[in-house]
Each structure stands twice: as C-alpha cells, then as structure tokens.
Amino acid sequence: MRRIEELCRLAEARGIPRSTGFLSDREQALATAAMNRAGCACGRFWGGWPGAERRVLCLEPAGAWPQEPVAAVRITARGEPAPGHRDLLGALLALGIERTCVGDILPDPAAPGESYAFVLADKAEFLAAELTQAGRCPVRCTPCGAVPDSVLAAPQRALKEATVPSLRADAVLGAMLHTSRGLAAQAIAAGKVELNHLPLHSAHEPVYAGDLFTVRGAGRWRVQEIGGKSRKDRIFISYYQY
C-alpha cells in the first residue's frame, strides 16, 4: 500500500503515467484502499481483457500520454499432450521473470493446443524469443495484436447446489469443500481461509450471496445464491468453483 501511495504521488507530481505489475484480487483491493488514502483519482485496473482476474493498476494523470502496459502472446503447442495452465505458468516463470509479469492465461476453445497469456508489455518480446517448451511439450510463442473473441468469452462455470444447516462460514465452506464442518472450522482457525480477500478469523462469520471464499492450497469458491429452506429446515445455496 505504501508503494501504491508513492506511485500515486509520483504520477500526479510529474504528470506522467505509471503502472504496477499484475495484482491479485487481494492486492487490487489493497491498491484501491491506498489510492483512496492518497486521494488519487487517476487510476484504473486493466488486465488485457474485460473479464481479467489479475490486473495491472494504471495511473494516468490528466493530460498524460496514455501507455498500454499489457500485451498478449499466443502460445501454440507443437506436440502432444498440449500443456495446461499450470505447465504454461511454470514454463513462463522458469524463464526468470516474476509472477507479477504474468496475468491471465486463457485457452482457445476454438483452437485446441493454443493459449493466450497476458503479460507486461516490456516482457512480450523476451518471452516470444525464449519460451520453447511447456511441460514436456515443445511450444511456439509469438506476440499478437488481437486475441480471438472465442478466447475472451466469459467462461461457463458449473453451478452446484448444496444444503447447509446455517449460513455460518464453517457450514457453508464445509458444504462447498465436501468436507465436515469441523474440518472447515480448523482451516479457518489455521488462517488458511479468506472471505472477500480478507482473512477470515471466525467460523461464526455470516455468509451472504456473492461472497468469495479463498482457501490456501485448494482454490476459490463463490456463493452465487441463497435460496429457501428444505423440509428439514436446511438452507439451499448455489455456488461455483473458479
């Protein structure tokens, strides 16, 4: 947050654009708080496409020449099996760049074996020259000006349903993880769970529609909707996993 405040002061004092690396959801929330504290109103988040999860904070003072900090590279598999998301991310980071240099990595459902990675613009040429393998599969990496619409379409996530005895955090989390309420409470007590990007300290915390759970080492789940009650007085919820 201190670094974001300093970037805000620098951008506004010099009238020049500044940007960060790719930020996670939690980091974006902290960056927004830092901008508010610094009184900065010239910031926007951008990850290369409208639905991006990892995004760069772009600070663009009035009158400053706009810059595009994000570029896309196309990664084409040249063998079988085609690399998955983990293989691609691992291959990119193995080249010595930091995680903040890489944003979302999206497969192309219309072209099996092709994926698109959003990266910091100043790293695109380097990655295109150096990335030759992901997992055990040889790949070709090329900068691209436009990403196909088939890639940018919002992913269709499978909506699941469950019933819970109450809307306490441990009960809802246990249902989504398909585990017991006690194990969910243990994960919360161990500091492994975030609710809406903030550490969840109490298993008694109430849950509402739209809440996002992040479990370290397991993944993320969002409560989509809270419904009525069953005959046994249990509450219906619908949710999906990222």
Protein backbone atom coordinates (compact mmCIF):
# COMPACT_ATOMS: atom_id res chain seq x y z
CA MET A 1 0.00 0.00 0.00
CA ARG A 2 2.91 2.36 0.72
CA ARG A 3 4.33 1.61 -2.73
CA ILE A 4 1.00 2.40 -4.39
CA GLU A 5 0.72 5.68 -2.48
CA GLU A 6 4.22 6.62 -3.61
CA LEU A 7 3.37 5.78 -7.24
CA CYS A 8 0.26 7.95 -6.99
CA ARG A 9 2.27 10.93 -5.71
CA LEU A 10 4.93 10.42 -8.37
CA ALA A 11 2.45 10.16 -11.24
CA GLU A 12 0.49 13.24 -10.21
CA ALA A 13 3.56 15.33 -9.32
CA ARG A 14 5.30 14.66 -12.64
CA GLY A 15 2.20 14.28 -14.80
CA ILE A 16 3.43 11.01 -16.27
CA PRO A 17 1.71 7.59 -16.34
CA ARG A 18 2.87 4.84 -14.01
CA SER A 19 1.78 1.23 -13.64
CA THR A 20 2.30 -1.77 -11.39
CA GLY A 21 2.78 -5.41 -12.20
CA PHE A 22 -0.21 -7.76 -12.30
CA LEU A 23 -2.07 -7.78 -9.00
CA SER A 24 -4.19 -10.50 -7.44
CA ASP A 25 -7.74 -9.83 -6.26
CA ARG A 26 -6.49 -9.18 -2.73
CA GLU A 27 -3.74 -6.84 -3.95
CA GLN A 28 -6.24 -4.93 -6.10
CA ALA A 29 -8.40 -4.34 -3.02
CA LEU A 30 -5.37 -3.05 -1.11
CA ALA A 31 -4.33 -0.87 -4.05
CA THR A 32 -7.81 0.67 -4.18
CA ALA A 33 -7.60 1.47 -0.46
CA ALA A 34 -4.15 3.01 -0.97
CA MET A 35 -5.39 5.20 -3.84
CA ASN A 36 -8.30 6.40 -1.71
CA ARG A 37 -5.94 7.20 1.15
CA ALA A 38 -3.65 9.13 -1.21
CA GLY A 39 -6.59 11.00 -2.76
CA CYS A 40 -5.70 9.68 -6.20
CA ALA A 41 -8.50 9.57 -8.77
CA CYS A 42 -6.47 8.81 -11.91
CA GLY A 43 -6.14 5.04 -11.50
CA ARG A 44 -7.75 2.17 -13.37
CA PHE A 45 -7.25 -1.58 -13.39
CA TRP A 46 -6.64 -3.42 -16.64
CA GLY A 47 -5.63 -6.99 -17.37
CA GLY A 48 -5.75 -7.07 -21.16
CA TRP A 49 -9.41 -8.11 -21.43
CA PRO A 50 -12.64 -7.06 -19.66
CA GLY A 51 -13.01 -10.20 -17.53
CA ALA A 52 -9.41 -10.35 -16.30
CA GLU A 53 -8.82 -11.58 -12.75
CA ARG A 54 -5.18 -10.49 -12.45
CA ARG A 55 -4.91 -6.82 -13.42
CA VAL A 56 -2.39 -4.02 -13.60
CA LEU A 57 -3.02 -0.71 -11.84
CA CYS A 58 -2.60 2.07 -14.42
CA LEU A 59 -2.10 5.57 -13.00
CA GLU A 60 -2.85 8.12 -15.75
CA PRO A 61 -2.84 11.79 -14.65
CA ALA A 62 -4.90 14.25 -16.70
CA GLY A 63 -3.04 15.27 -19.84
CA ALA A 64 -0.52 12.44 -19.63
CA TRP A 65 0.30 10.49 -22.78
CA PRO A 66 -1.51 7.12 -22.40
CA GLN A 67 0.52 3.93 -22.33
CA GLU A 68 -0.53 0.31 -22.78
CA PRO A 69 1.23 -1.73 -20.08
CA VAL A 70 -0.30 -5.10 -21.07
CA ALA A 71 0.38 -7.22 -24.15
CA ALA A 72 -0.74 -10.69 -25.23
CA VAL A 73 1.33 -13.58 -26.54
CA ARG A 74 -0.01 -16.64 -28.34
CA ILE A 75 1.40 -19.99 -27.20
CA THR A 76 0.95 -22.84 -29.67
CA ALA A 77 1.64 -26.45 -28.74
CA ARG A 78 3.79 -28.31 -31.23
CA GLY A 79 3.22 -31.76 -29.80
CA GLU A 80 1.02 -33.89 -27.57
CA PRO A 81 -0.29 -33.64 -24.95
CA ALA A 82 -0.89 -29.90 -25.07
CA PRO A 83 0.27 -28.11 -21.89
CA GLY A 84 -2.30 -26.98 -19.34
CA HIS A 85 -2.47 -23.77 -17.33
CA ARG A 86 -0.01 -24.97 -14.68
CA ASP A 87 2.51 -26.12 -17.30
CA LEU A 88 2.32 -22.79 -19.12
CA LEU A 89 2.66 -20.67 -15.98
CA GLY A 90 5.54 -22.80 -14.75
CA ALA A 91 7.33 -22.51 -18.09
CA LEU A 92 6.95 -18.72 -18.13
CA LEU A 93 8.24 -18.31 -14.58
CA ALA A 94 11.11 -20.73 -15.27
CA LEU A 95 12.50 -18.14 -17.67
CA GLY A 96 13.36 -15.97 -14.65
CA ILE A 97 10.52 -13.45 -14.71
CA GLU A 98 8.44 -12.66 -11.64
CA ARG A 99 4.83 -13.68 -11.09
CA THR A 100 3.79 -10.03 -11.34
CA CYS A 101 4.85 -10.07 -15.01
CA VAL A 102 2.15 -12.60 -15.97
CA GLY A 103 -1.59 -12.07 -15.88
CA ASP A 104 -4.35 -14.40 -17.01
CA ILE A 105 -3.61 -17.40 -19.23
CA LEU A 106 -6.59 -18.38 -21.36
CA PRO A 107 -7.05 -21.41 -23.65
CA ASP A 108 -8.66 -21.02 -27.05
CA PRO A 109 -11.67 -23.38 -27.13
CA ALA A 110 -11.88 -22.94 -30.89
CA ALA A 111 -8.26 -23.96 -31.47
CA PRO A 112 -7.09 -26.88 -29.28
CA GLY A 113 -3.44 -26.55 -28.36
CA GLU A 114 -3.45 -22.75 -28.45
CA SER A 115 -3.46 -20.46 -25.41
CA TYR A 116 -3.03 -16.75 -24.85
CA ALA A 117 -1.08 -15.22 -21.98
CA PHE A 118 -1.40 -11.59 -20.94
CA VAL A 119 1.97 -10.24 -19.85
CA LEU A 120 3.65 -6.92 -19.14
CA ALA A 121 4.29 -5.26 -22.50
CA ASP A 122 8.03 -4.94 -21.92
CA LYS A 123 8.33 -8.72 -21.46
CA ALA A 124 6.43 -9.85 -24.57
CA GLU A 125 9.40 -9.91 -26.98
CA PHE A 126 11.61 -11.68 -24.45
CA LEU A 127 9.01 -14.39 -23.85
CA ALA A 128 8.41 -14.84 -27.57
CA ALA A 129 12.13 -15.43 -28.08
CA GLU A 130 12.80 -17.65 -25.07
CA LEU A 131 9.68 -19.77 -24.47
CA THR A 132 10.17 -23.03 -26.39
CA GLN A 133 8.76 -25.70 -24.08
CA ALA A 134 5.97 -26.07 -21.51
CA GLY A 135 5.89 -29.27 -19.51
CA ARG A 136 7.10 -31.93 -21.90
CA CYS A 137 5.59 -30.28 -24.94
CA PRO A 138 7.51 -28.02 -27.34
CA VAL A 139 5.70 -24.73 -27.96
CA ARG A 140 5.96 -21.66 -30.14
CA CYS A 141 5.34 -18.25 -28.57
CA THR A 142 4.51 -15.19 -30.66
CA PRO A 143 3.30 -11.68 -29.78
CA CYS A 144 -0.20 -10.97 -31.05
CA GLY A 145 -2.09 -7.75 -31.57
CA ALA A 146 -5.60 -9.11 -31.10
CA VAL A 147 -6.97 -12.02 -29.09
CA PRO A 148 -9.83 -14.03 -30.71
CA ASP A 149 -13.33 -13.49 -29.34
CA SER A 150 -13.57 -17.23 -28.66
CA VAL A 151 -10.85 -16.80 -26.03
CA LEU A 152 -12.36 -13.71 -24.40
CA ALA A 153 -15.85 -15.15 -23.96
CA ALA A 154 -16.70 -15.41 -20.28
CA PRO A 155 -16.09 -18.98 -19.05
CA GLN A 156 -19.19 -21.00 -18.25
CA ARG A 157 -18.68 -22.27 -14.73
CA ALA A 158 -20.65 -25.25 -13.48
CA LEU A 159 -23.16 -24.14 -10.87
CA LYS A 160 -23.53 -26.56 -7.97
CA GLU A 161 -26.10 -26.80 -5.20
CA ALA A 162 -25.96 -27.84 -1.56
CA THR A 163 -27.93 -27.53 1.65
CA VAL A 164 -26.46 -26.17 4.88
CA PRO A 165 -27.78 -26.11 8.46
CA SER A 166 -26.96 -22.40 8.78
CA LEU A 167 -25.23 -19.57 6.95
CA ARG A 168 -22.19 -19.66 9.21
CA ALA A 169 -18.85 -19.60 7.40
CA ASP A 170 -17.77 -23.05 8.56
CA ALA A 171 -21.07 -24.63 7.47
CA VAL A 172 -21.04 -23.05 4.01
CA LEU A 173 -17.34 -23.69 3.45
CA GLY A 174 -17.68 -27.31 4.53
CA ALA A 175 -20.51 -27.85 2.04
CA MET A 176 -18.54 -26.31 -0.83
CA LEU A 177 -15.40 -28.29 0.03
CA HIS A 178 -17.41 -31.51 0.50
CA THR A 179 -15.90 -31.90 3.95
CA SER A 180 -17.09 -31.72 7.53
CA ARG A 181 -17.97 -28.52 9.32
CA GLY A 182 -15.24 -29.28 11.86
CA LEU A 183 -12.50 -29.53 9.23
CA ALA A 184 -13.71 -26.30 7.65
CA ALA A 185 -13.51 -24.62 11.07
CA GLN A 186 -9.96 -25.95 11.50
CA ALA A 187 -8.91 -24.43 8.18
CA ILE A 188 -10.37 -21.09 9.27
CA ALA A 189 -8.62 -21.26 12.66
CA ALA A 190 -5.33 -22.09 10.92
CA GLY A 191 -5.54 -18.88 8.89
CA LYS A 192 -5.93 -20.68 5.55
CA VAL A 193 -9.22 -19.01 4.52
CA GLU A 194 -10.03 -15.56 3.17
CA LEU A 195 -13.53 -14.16 2.76
CA ASN A 196 -13.82 -11.46 0.10
CA HIS A 197 -10.00 -11.11 0.06
CA LEU A 198 -9.73 -10.52 3.82
CA PRO A 199 -8.51 -13.08 6.37
CA LEU A 200 -11.40 -15.00 7.91
CA HIS A 201 -10.82 -15.28 11.64
CA SER A 202 -14.16 -16.62 12.89
CA ALA A 203 -16.09 -19.71 11.88
CA HIS A 204 -19.23 -17.90 13.07
CA GLU A 205 -18.95 -15.17 10.38
CA PRO A 206 -22.26 -14.86 8.45
CA VAL A 207 -22.24 -15.59 4.73
CA TYR A 208 -24.16 -13.70 2.05
CA ALA A 209 -24.84 -14.19 -1.67
CA GLY A 210 -21.84 -13.09 -3.71
CA ASP A 211 -19.27 -13.87 -1.01
CA LEU A 212 -15.95 -15.22 -2.26
CA PHE A 213 -14.01 -17.83 -0.28
CA THR A 214 -10.30 -18.37 -0.95
CA VAL A 215 -8.69 -21.42 0.65
CA ARG A 216 -4.92 -21.53 0.54
CA GLY A 217 -3.72 -24.51 -1.49
CA ALA A 218 -7.24 -25.52 -2.50
CA GLY A 219 -8.85 -22.83 -4.66
CA ARG A 220 -11.68 -20.31 -4.67
CA TRP A 221 -15.46 -20.65 -4.39
CA ARG A 222 -18.20 -18.07 -4.78
CA VAL A 223 -21.66 -18.27 -3.20
CA GLN A 224 -23.92 -17.46 -6.13
CA GLU A 225 -27.32 -17.54 -4.49
CA ILE A 226 -29.03 -18.32 -1.19
CA GLY A 227 -32.43 -19.94 -1.58
CA GLY A 228 -35.21 -21.11 0.67
CA LYS A 229 -35.34 -23.93 3.18
CA SER A 230 -35.90 -27.64 2.80
CA ARG A 231 -38.45 -29.68 4.71
CA LYS A 232 -35.71 -30.46 7.23
CA ASP A 233 -35.11 -26.74 7.75
CA ARG A 234 -31.80 -26.71 5.86
CA ILE A 235 -30.92 -23.76 3.64
CA PHE A 236 -30.34 -24.16 -0.11
CA ILE A 237 -27.25 -22.50 -1.60
CA SER A 238 -25.83 -22.46 -5.10
CA TYR A 239 -22.11 -21.90 -5.72
CA TYR A 240 -19.31 -22.44 -8.21
CA GLN A 241 -15.59 -23.01 -8.09
CA TYR A 242 -13.11 -20.94 -10.07
